[in-house]
Protein backbone atom coordinates (compact mmCIF):
# COMPACT_ATOMS: atom_id res chain seq x y z
CA MET A 1 -10.84 15.58 -15.79
CA ALA A 2 -11.35 12.88 -13.20
CA VAL A 3 -11.61 13.72 -9.52
CA ARG A 4 -10.29 10.84 -7.47
CA SER A 5 -10.32 10.05 -3.77
CA TYR A 6 -8.65 7.70 -1.32
CA VAL A 7 -9.21 7.05 2.39
CA TYR A 8 -6.79 5.19 4.61
CA ARG A 9 -6.36 4.40 8.27
CA TYR A 10 -3.55 6.21 10.04
CA HIS A 11 -3.81 4.72 13.54
CA PRO A 12 -3.35 1.05 14.53
CA VAL A 13 -6.44 -1.03 15.31
CA GLU A 14 -5.82 -0.92 19.08
CA SER A 15 -5.78 2.89 19.11
CA PRO A 16 -8.83 4.81 20.36
CA ASN A 17 -8.27 7.01 17.27
CA TYR A 18 -8.56 4.08 14.81
CA GLU A 19 -11.75 5.52 13.31
CA ARG A 20 -10.00 8.81 12.47
CA CYS A 21 -8.74 8.31 8.93
CA ILE A 22 -7.04 10.41 6.27
CA GLY A 23 -9.19 11.33 3.28
CA LEU A 24 -7.60 12.67 0.10
CA SER A 25 -9.27 14.02 -3.05
CA TRP A 26 -7.51 15.30 -6.13
CA CYS A 27 -7.94 16.27 -9.76
CA SER A 28 -5.75 14.24 -12.08
CA GLY A 29 -5.62 16.98 -14.68
CA CYS A 30 -4.95 20.13 -12.68
CA HIS A 31 -2.98 18.50 -9.81
CA VAL A 32 -4.97 20.25 -7.09
CA TYR A 33 -5.65 18.16 -3.99
CA THR A 34 -7.18 18.40 -0.56
CA GLY A 35 -6.77 16.26 2.52
CA THR A 36 -8.76 15.99 5.73
CA MET A 37 -9.49 13.75 8.68
CA VAL A 38 -12.59 11.62 8.14
CA HIS A 39 -14.50 9.21 10.38
CA VAL A 40 -14.71 5.57 9.24
CA SER A 41 -16.38 3.01 11.48
CA ARG A 42 -14.22 0.20 12.86
CA ARG A 43 -16.60 -2.23 11.14
CA GLU A 44 -15.94 -0.79 7.68
CA ALA A 45 -13.04 -2.36 5.78
CA LEU A 46 -10.97 -0.02 3.64
CA THR A 47 -9.16 -1.10 0.50
CA ASP A 48 -5.41 -0.66 0.90
CA ALA A 49 -4.07 0.46 -2.48
CA LEU A 50 -0.54 0.12 -1.08
CA ALA A 51 -0.89 -3.46 0.22
CA ALA A 52 1.32 -4.98 -2.49
CA LEU A 53 4.24 -2.66 -1.72
CA PRO A 54 7.06 -3.42 0.70
CA ALA A 55 6.53 -1.88 4.17
CA GLU A 56 9.33 0.67 3.65
CA GLU A 57 7.76 1.95 0.42
CA ARG A 58 4.28 2.17 2.03
CA ASP A 59 5.70 4.18 4.93
CA ARG A 60 7.56 6.51 2.57
CA LEU A 61 4.40 7.20 0.56
CA ARG A 62 2.23 7.73 3.63
CA HIS A 63 4.62 10.42 4.86
CA SER A 64 4.27 12.46 1.67
CA GLU A 65 0.78 13.43 0.53
CA VAL A 66 2.08 14.61 -2.84
CA GLY A 67 4.06 11.39 -3.36
CA LEU A 68 1.08 9.27 -2.31
CA ILE A 69 -1.28 11.08 -4.65
CA GLU A 70 1.16 10.79 -7.55
CA TYR A 71 1.52 7.05 -6.90
CA LEU A 72 -2.24 6.52 -6.63
CA ASP A 73 -2.88 8.58 -9.75
CA ARG A 74 -0.52 6.35 -11.73
CA HIS A 75 -1.63 2.99 -10.26
CA THR A 76 -5.39 3.23 -9.75
CA SER A 77 -8.27 3.79 -12.07
């Protein structure tokens, strides 16, 4: 079973909390996941796995950890 992870920025670039990001890890086989706040430097660029989606769909997925993980599990390797 593969354990996967994804980190994304939650706050806008002008926010003092910009470096506080959401980190998710999950097992594709057993469907157990964990999420936490993680620190990512402003200088570090994060890959946005949702960039190709319309804004409404990105927002919908970011408001549901389970939905986001299911999407990422289907669309990333």
